[in-house]
């Protein structure tokens, strides 16, 4: 896997969970990184999840939701709003569009949408644009210490 190593892949490897890495040629002109992964890899969009960073009462929180849904900020808290992208990048150590819920520079509170649990495996960013990590949603929850809740709508 030379040249593909990221902190997310290293975290999954260290934890000893089963996972697969899927790589595709990222187009820098793309507007939706998740939809690009679906198209390039031929994936079911319901199994591809985006990693969003929100500010909940002054604390950064990671939200993992399906790419074809929106994050329900109110489900995270009354004063939840999307985090400043630069703050999200600094806290996670990843660039926007490549933020992974795993291997973050500073582990953040994480919430995974409950829809993830209906699948044997889901796809999340592996830590850079054009790289997806496929793993069991239960392993993702365990490795991130996530709370599972209904946080997606649409």
Protein backbone atom coordinates (compact mmCIF):
# COMPACT_ATOMS: atom_id res chain seq x y z
CA UNK A 1 0.00 0.00 0.00
CA UNK A 2 2.93 2.30 -0.62
CA UNK A 3 1.94 5.90 -1.19
CA UNK A 4 -1.56 5.35 0.20
CA UNK A 5 -0.82 5.45 3.91
CA UNK A 6 -2.81 7.93 5.98
CA UNK A 7 -3.39 8.32 9.70
CA UNK A 8 -6.89 6.86 9.17
CA UNK A 9 -5.49 3.71 7.57
CA UNK A 10 -2.84 3.46 10.29
CA UNK A 11 -5.53 3.75 12.99
CA UNK A 12 -7.62 0.96 11.44
CA UNK A 13 -4.50 -1.20 11.02
CA UNK A 14 -3.42 -0.67 14.65
CA UNK A 15 -6.91 -1.55 15.87
CA UNK A 16 -6.83 -4.83 13.95
CA UNK A 17 -10.25 -4.36 12.35
CA UNK A 18 -11.08 -5.65 8.89
CA UNK A 19 -11.13 -2.92 6.27
CA UNK A 20 -10.50 -2.27 2.60
CA UNK A 21 -9.04 0.79 0.91
CA UNK A 22 -10.49 2.02 -2.38
CA UNK A 23 -8.62 4.59 -4.43
CA UNK A 24 -9.75 6.66 -7.40
CA UNK A 25 -8.43 9.59 -9.38
CA UNK A 26 -9.78 12.72 -7.67
CA UNK A 27 -10.91 15.56 -9.94
CA UNK A 28 -10.06 18.88 -8.21
CA UNK A 29 -13.03 20.52 -9.98
CA UNK A 30 -15.56 18.27 -8.26
CA UNK A 31 -18.14 19.91 -6.02
CA UNK A 32 -19.19 16.83 -4.02
CA UNK A 33 -16.41 14.55 -2.83
CA UNK A 34 -18.86 11.86 -1.69
CA UNK A 35 -20.74 11.77 -4.98
CA UNK A 36 -17.42 11.62 -6.79
CA UNK A 37 -16.51 8.49 -4.79
CA UNK A 38 -19.89 6.93 -5.62
CA UNK A 39 -19.44 7.59 -9.34
CA UNK A 40 -15.77 6.67 -9.62
CA UNK A 41 -16.01 3.49 -7.53
CA UNK A 42 -19.54 2.42 -8.54
CA UNK A 43 -20.82 2.42 -4.95
CA UNK A 44 -24.30 2.46 -3.45
CA UNK A 45 -24.72 6.09 -2.28
CA UNK A 46 -26.55 4.93 0.87
CA UNK A 47 -23.31 3.22 2.03
CA UNK A 48 -21.03 6.24 1.50
CA UNK A 49 -20.79 8.59 4.46
CA UNK A 50 -19.35 12.08 4.69
CA UNK A 51 -17.47 13.42 7.68
CA UNK A 52 -18.62 16.88 8.74
CA UNK A 53 -17.30 18.97 11.60
CA UNK A 54 -19.74 21.06 13.60
CA UNK A 55 -19.32 23.51 16.44
CA UNK A 56 -21.64 22.42 19.25
CA UNK A 57 -21.70 24.90 22.13
CA UNK A 58 -18.09 25.86 21.40
CA UNK A 59 -16.76 22.32 21.06
CA UNK A 60 -15.92 20.73 17.72
CA UNK A 61 -17.89 17.56 17.00
CA UNK A 62 -17.59 15.13 14.10
CA UNK A 63 -20.81 14.07 12.38
CA UNK A 64 -20.82 11.07 10.05
CA UNK A 65 -23.86 11.12 7.74
CA UNK A 66 -24.83 9.59 4.39
CA UNK A 67 -23.65 11.63 1.42
CA UNK A 68 -27.16 11.89 0.03
CA UNK A 69 -28.53 13.39 3.26
CA UNK A 70 -28.07 16.62 5.16
CA UNK A 71 -26.80 16.96 8.69
CA UNK A 72 -29.60 17.95 11.06
CA UNK A 73 -27.65 20.43 13.19
CA UNK A 74 -30.48 20.66 15.73
CA UNK A 75 -30.03 16.94 16.42
CA UNK A 76 -26.51 17.75 17.65
CA UNK A 77 -27.57 20.60 19.93
CA UNK A 78 -29.49 23.86 20.15
CA UNK A 79 -26.46 26.00 19.33
CA UNK A 80 -24.89 23.72 16.73
CA UNK A 81 -23.51 25.20 13.53
CA UNK A 82 -21.06 24.06 10.90
CA UNK A 83 -17.48 24.61 12.01
CA UNK A 84 -15.19 26.97 10.17
CA UNK A 85 -13.41 24.78 7.56
CA UNK A 86 -9.96 26.02 8.65
CA UNK A 87 -10.74 25.17 12.29
CA UNK A 88 -11.91 21.70 11.20
CA UNK A 89 -8.72 21.18 9.21
CA UNK A 90 -6.50 22.32 12.11
CA UNK A 91 -8.29 20.11 14.64
CA UNK A 92 -8.41 16.98 12.49
CA UNK A 93 -5.17 17.34 10.56
CA UNK A 94 -6.98 16.62 7.31
CA UNK A 95 -8.02 18.87 4.42
CA UNK A 96 -11.71 19.53 3.72
CA UNK A 97 -13.03 16.83 1.42
CA UNK A 98 -10.58 14.36 2.93
CA UNK A 99 -11.49 14.56 6.62
CA UNK A 100 -11.74 11.07 8.05
CA UNK A 101 -13.48 10.15 11.30
CA UNK A 102 -10.39 8.02 12.06
CA UNK A 103 -6.83 9.06 12.86
CA UNK A 104 -7.56 12.68 13.63
CA UNK A 105 -4.80 14.86 15.04
CA UNK A 106 -6.96 15.51 18.08
CA UNK A 107 -9.80 13.02 18.69
CA UNK A 108 -13.12 14.84 18.63
CA UNK A 109 -16.51 13.79 19.97
CA UNK A 110 -18.14 11.83 17.15
CA UNK A 111 -21.75 11.05 16.25
CA UNK A 112 -22.58 8.48 13.56
CA UNK A 113 -25.99 8.53 11.93
CA UNK A 114 -28.03 5.48 12.89
CA UNK A 115 -28.61 4.59 9.22
CA UNK A 116 -25.01 3.32 9.05
CA UNK A 117 -25.88 0.34 11.23
CA UNK A 118 -28.15 -1.28 8.63
CA UNK A 119 -25.13 -2.11 6.44
CA UNK A 120 -22.43 -4.74 6.89
CA UNK A 121 -19.86 -2.17 5.70
CA UNK A 122 -19.84 1.54 4.92
CA UNK A 123 -17.38 3.85 3.19
CA UNK A 124 -15.79 6.90 4.82
CA UNK A 125 -12.87 9.07 3.81
CA UNK A 126 -9.54 7.39 4.36
CA UNK A 127 -7.86 10.72 5.04
CA UNK A 128 -7.39 12.28 1.63
CA UNK A 129 -9.43 13.09 -1.42
CA UNK A 130 -9.66 10.09 -3.73
CA UNK A 131 -9.23 7.51 -0.98
CA UNK A 132 -12.08 5.66 0.74
CA UNK A 133 -12.00 3.31 3.70
CA UNK A 134 -14.58 0.51 3.81
CA UNK A 135 -15.25 -0.98 7.24
CA UNK A 136 -18.04 -2.26 9.47
CA UNK A 137 -20.02 0.61 10.98
CA UNK A 138 -19.76 -1.06 14.39
CA UNK A 139 -15.97 -0.94 14.08
CA UNK A 140 -16.14 2.75 13.16
CA UNK A 141 -18.29 3.44 16.22
CA UNK A 142 -15.92 1.47 18.46
CA UNK A 143 -12.73 3.06 17.11
CA UNK A 144 -14.04 6.63 17.38
CA UNK A 145 -15.97 6.17 20.63
CA UNK A 146 -18.95 7.53 18.70
CA UNK A 147 -22.48 7.97 19.83
CA UNK A 148 -25.10 6.64 17.37
CA UNK A 149 -28.14 8.85 16.77
CA UNK A 150 -30.49 10.08 14.08
CA UNK A 151 -28.59 13.14 12.83
CA UNK A 152 -29.34 12.96 9.10
CA UNK A 153 -32.37 14.20 7.23
CA UNK A 154 -33.47 14.06 3.62
